[in-house]
Amino acid sequence: MTPDQEPVRLQYWPPSHAVDAPDHWPDSYEFNSVEDAVAFAMTQSPANREVAWLRTPDGDILKPPQIRRLWELRQDH
């Protein structure tokens, strides 16, 4: 990752929480690529059955169905 490149951030929210809520985002796991963050989200078991949300370097927010689809596409190759 270059110094001017933002990391991919993976965070976990309780299932009842909306990503658009005004609360601050919880602490994140940072990755160099979306692929690495997706792999972590799909292979790790978060505490309390929380839901993964991923923020890309471009500021896009990927919700669980999108993360799952990226994982499925990766598995197909």
N, C-alpha and C. Protein backbone atom coordinates (compact mmCIF):
# COMPACT_ATOMS: atom_id res chain seq x y z
N MET A 1 0.86 -1.18 0.00
CA MET A 1 0.00 0.00 0.00
C MET A 1 0.90 1.23 0.00
N THR A 2 0.61 2.16 -0.85
CA THR A 2 1.39 3.39 -0.90
C THR A 2 0.89 4.33 0.20
N PRO A 3 1.73 5.29 0.60
CA PRO A 3 1.33 6.20 1.69
C PRO A 3 0.06 6.99 1.41
N ASP A 4 -0.22 7.28 0.13
CA ASP A 4 -1.42 8.07 -0.18
C ASP A 4 -2.66 7.20 -0.44
N GLN A 5 -2.52 5.89 -0.32
CA GLN A 5 -3.65 4.98 -0.55
C GLN A 5 -4.33 4.65 0.78
N GLU A 6 -5.63 4.81 0.81
CA GLU A 6 -6.40 4.48 2.00
C GLU A 6 -6.52 2.97 2.13
N PRO A 7 -6.49 2.45 3.35
CA PRO A 7 -6.69 1.01 3.52
C PRO A 7 -8.16 0.63 3.34
N VAL A 8 -8.37 -0.64 3.09
CA VAL A 8 -9.72 -1.19 3.10
C VAL A 8 -10.04 -1.47 4.56
N ARG A 9 -11.20 -1.04 5.02
CA ARG A 9 -11.55 -1.19 6.43
C ARG A 9 -12.72 -2.15 6.58
N LEU A 10 -12.52 -3.14 7.43
CA LEU A 10 -13.55 -4.12 7.72
C LEU A 10 -13.99 -3.91 9.17
N GLN A 11 -15.29 -3.71 9.36
CA GLN A 11 -15.81 -3.49 10.70
C GLN A 11 -17.00 -4.40 10.94
N TYR A 12 -17.25 -4.63 12.19
CA TYR A 12 -18.37 -5.48 12.57
C TYR A 12 -19.37 -4.68 13.39
N TRP A 13 -20.64 -4.80 13.02
CA TRP A 13 -21.74 -4.15 13.71
C TRP A 13 -22.68 -5.22 14.25
N PRO A 14 -23.41 -4.93 15.32
CA PRO A 14 -24.48 -5.84 15.72
C PRO A 14 -25.51 -5.90 14.59
N PRO A 15 -26.19 -7.03 14.41
CA PRO A 15 -27.14 -7.16 13.30
C PRO A 15 -28.27 -6.13 13.32
N SER A 16 -28.60 -5.60 14.48
CA SER A 16 -29.69 -4.64 14.59
C SER A 16 -29.26 -3.22 14.22
N HIS A 17 -28.00 -3.01 13.95
CA HIS A 17 -27.48 -1.67 13.70
C HIS A 17 -27.43 -1.39 12.21
N ALA A 18 -27.79 -0.20 11.80
CA ALA A 18 -27.73 0.19 10.39
C ALA A 18 -26.41 0.90 10.11
N VAL A 19 -25.80 0.60 8.99
CA VAL A 19 -24.52 1.21 8.64
C VAL A 19 -24.65 2.72 8.46
N ASP A 20 -25.84 3.20 8.14
CA ASP A 20 -26.05 4.63 7.93
C ASP A 20 -26.38 5.38 9.22
N ALA A 21 -26.38 4.70 10.34
CA ALA A 21 -26.68 5.36 11.62
C ALA A 21 -25.62 6.42 11.91
N PRO A 22 -25.97 7.44 12.67
CA PRO A 22 -25.02 8.53 12.92
C PRO A 22 -23.88 8.17 13.87
N ASP A 23 -23.93 7.02 14.50
CA ASP A 23 -22.85 6.62 15.41
C ASP A 23 -21.53 6.54 14.66
N HIS A 24 -20.43 6.65 15.40
CA HIS A 24 -19.13 6.49 14.75
C HIS A 24 -18.92 5.01 14.42
N TRP A 25 -18.09 4.76 13.43
CA TRP A 25 -17.79 3.38 13.07
C TRP A 25 -16.94 2.75 14.16
N PRO A 26 -17.15 1.48 14.45
CA PRO A 26 -16.32 0.80 15.44
C PRO A 26 -14.90 0.63 14.91
N ASP A 27 -13.99 0.22 15.80
CA ASP A 27 -12.61 -0.03 15.37
C ASP A 27 -12.61 -0.98 14.18
N SER A 28 -11.66 -0.77 13.30
CA SER A 28 -11.64 -1.57 12.08
C SER A 28 -10.42 -2.47 12.00
N TYR A 29 -10.56 -3.48 11.17
CA TYR A 29 -9.42 -4.27 10.72
C TYR A 29 -9.04 -3.63 9.39
N GLU A 30 -7.76 -3.39 9.16
CA GLU A 30 -7.34 -2.75 7.93
C GLU A 30 -6.60 -3.73 7.04
N PHE A 31 -6.89 -3.65 5.74
CA PHE A 31 -6.31 -4.55 4.76
C PHE A 31 -5.80 -3.75 3.57
N ASN A 32 -4.89 -4.34 2.83
CA ASN A 32 -4.35 -3.69 1.63
C ASN A 32 -5.26 -3.84 0.43
N SER A 33 -6.16 -4.83 0.46
CA SER A 33 -7.02 -5.06 -0.70
C SER A 33 -8.42 -5.48 -0.25
N VAL A 34 -9.38 -5.24 -1.13
CA VAL A 34 -10.75 -5.69 -0.89
C VAL A 34 -10.77 -7.22 -0.80
N GLU A 35 -9.99 -7.89 -1.65
CA GLU A 35 -9.96 -9.35 -1.65
C GLU A 35 -9.52 -9.90 -0.30
N ASP A 36 -8.50 -9.30 0.31
CA ASP A 36 -8.04 -9.76 1.62
C ASP A 36 -9.10 -9.53 2.69
N ALA A 37 -9.77 -8.40 2.64
CA ALA A 37 -10.81 -8.09 3.62
C ALA A 37 -12.00 -9.04 3.47
N VAL A 38 -12.38 -9.33 2.23
CA VAL A 38 -13.48 -10.26 1.98
C VAL A 38 -13.13 -11.65 2.51
N ALA A 39 -11.92 -12.10 2.24
CA ALA A 39 -11.50 -13.42 2.73
C ALA A 39 -11.54 -13.48 4.25
N PHE A 40 -11.09 -12.44 4.91
CA PHE A 40 -11.14 -12.40 6.37
C PHE A 40 -12.58 -12.45 6.86
N ALA A 41 -13.43 -11.62 6.26
CA ALA A 41 -14.83 -11.55 6.69
C ALA A 41 -15.54 -12.89 6.52
N MET A 42 -15.19 -13.63 5.48
CA MET A 42 -15.89 -14.88 5.20
C MET A 42 -15.30 -16.09 5.91
N THR A 43 -14.12 -15.95 6.49
CA THR A 43 -13.49 -17.12 7.12
C THR A 43 -13.32 -16.97 8.63
N GLN A 44 -13.63 -15.82 9.18
CA GLN A 44 -13.48 -15.59 10.62
C GLN A 44 -14.85 -15.54 11.29
N SER A 45 -14.90 -15.88 12.54
CA SER A 45 -16.16 -15.84 13.30
C SER A 45 -16.13 -14.66 14.26
N PRO A 46 -16.85 -13.59 13.95
CA PRO A 46 -16.85 -12.43 14.85
C PRO A 46 -17.62 -12.73 16.13
N ALA A 47 -17.31 -11.98 17.17
CA ALA A 47 -17.99 -12.14 18.45
C ALA A 47 -19.44 -11.72 18.35
N ASN A 48 -20.27 -12.35 19.13
CA ASN A 48 -21.68 -11.96 19.27
C ASN A 48 -22.46 -11.96 17.95
N ARG A 49 -22.03 -12.76 17.00
CA ARG A 49 -22.74 -12.87 15.71
C ARG A 49 -22.91 -11.51 15.04
N GLU A 50 -21.90 -10.68 15.12
CA GLU A 50 -21.99 -9.38 14.48
C GLU A 50 -21.84 -9.51 12.96
N VAL A 51 -22.24 -8.47 12.25
CA VAL A 51 -22.29 -8.47 10.80
C VAL A 51 -21.13 -7.64 10.24
N ALA A 52 -20.50 -8.16 9.21
CA ALA A 52 -19.37 -7.46 8.59
C ALA A 52 -19.85 -6.38 7.63
N TRP A 53 -19.16 -5.24 7.67
CA TRP A 53 -19.36 -4.16 6.71
C TRP A 53 -17.97 -3.76 6.25
N LEU A 54 -17.83 -3.45 4.98
CA LEU A 54 -16.52 -3.16 4.44
C LEU A 54 -16.53 -1.80 3.76
N ARG A 55 -15.53 -0.98 4.09
CA ARG A 55 -15.38 0.32 3.44
C ARG A 55 -14.16 0.26 2.53
N THR A 56 -14.37 0.54 1.25
CA THR A 56 -13.29 0.51 0.27
C THR A 56 -12.49 1.81 0.34
N PRO A 57 -11.31 1.83 -0.28
CA PRO A 57 -10.53 3.08 -0.31
C PRO A 57 -11.27 4.23 -0.98
N ASP A 58 -12.21 3.90 -1.87
CA ASP A 58 -12.99 4.93 -2.56
C ASP A 58 -14.15 5.46 -1.72
N GLY A 59 -14.37 4.85 -0.54
CA GLY A 59 -15.46 5.29 0.32
C GLY A 59 -16.75 4.52 0.13
N ASP A 60 -16.76 3.54 -0.77
CA ASP A 60 -17.95 2.71 -0.94
C ASP A 60 -18.12 1.81 0.27
N ILE A 61 -19.35 1.51 0.60
CA ILE A 61 -19.65 0.62 1.71
C ILE A 61 -20.26 -0.65 1.14
N LEU A 62 -19.61 -1.78 1.40
CA LEU A 62 -20.12 -3.07 0.96
C LEU A 62 -20.80 -3.74 2.13
N LYS A 63 -22.05 -4.11 1.93
CA LYS A 63 -22.85 -4.75 2.96
C LYS A 63 -22.70 -6.26 2.84
N PRO A 64 -23.16 -7.01 3.84
CA PRO A 64 -22.95 -8.47 3.84
C PRO A 64 -23.31 -9.19 2.55
N PRO A 65 -24.43 -8.90 1.87
CA PRO A 65 -24.71 -9.62 0.62
C PRO A 65 -23.65 -9.36 -0.46
N GLN A 66 -23.14 -8.14 -0.51
CA GLN A 66 -22.11 -7.81 -1.49
C GLN A 66 -20.79 -8.52 -1.15
N ILE A 67 -20.46 -8.57 0.12
CA ILE A 67 -19.25 -9.27 0.56
C ILE A 67 -19.37 -10.75 0.22
N ARG A 68 -20.52 -11.33 0.50
CA ARG A 68 -20.75 -12.74 0.20
C ARG A 68 -20.62 -13.02 -1.29
N ARG A 69 -21.15 -12.13 -2.13
CA ARG A 69 -21.08 -12.32 -3.58
C ARG A 69 -19.63 -12.24 -4.08
N LEU A 70 -18.85 -11.31 -3.54
CA LEU A 70 -17.44 -11.23 -3.93
C LEU A 70 -16.70 -12.51 -3.55
N TRP A 71 -17.05 -13.07 -2.38
CA TRP A 71 -16.44 -14.33 -1.94
C TRP A 71 -16.82 -15.47 -2.89
N GLU A 72 -18.09 -15.51 -3.29
CA GLU A 72 -18.52 -16.55 -4.21
C GLU A 72 -17.84 -16.43 -5.56
N LEU A 73 -17.68 -15.21 -6.04
CA LEU A 73 -16.98 -15.00 -7.31
C LEU A 73 -15.53 -15.45 -7.21
N ARG A 74 -14.91 -15.19 -6.09
CA ARG A 74 -13.52 -15.60 -5.88
C ARG A 74 -13.41 -17.12 -5.88
N GLN A 75 -14.37 -17.78 -5.25
CA GLN A 75 -14.35 -19.23 -5.16
C GLN A 75 -14.57 -19.89 -6.51
N ASP A 76 -15.24 -19.19 -7.42
CA ASP A 76 -15.52 -19.74 -8.74
C ASP A 76 -14.28 -19.78 -9.63
N HIS A 77 -13.24 -19.07 -9.25
CA HIS A 77 -12.03 -19.02 -10.09
C HIS A 77 -10.99 -19.97 -9.65
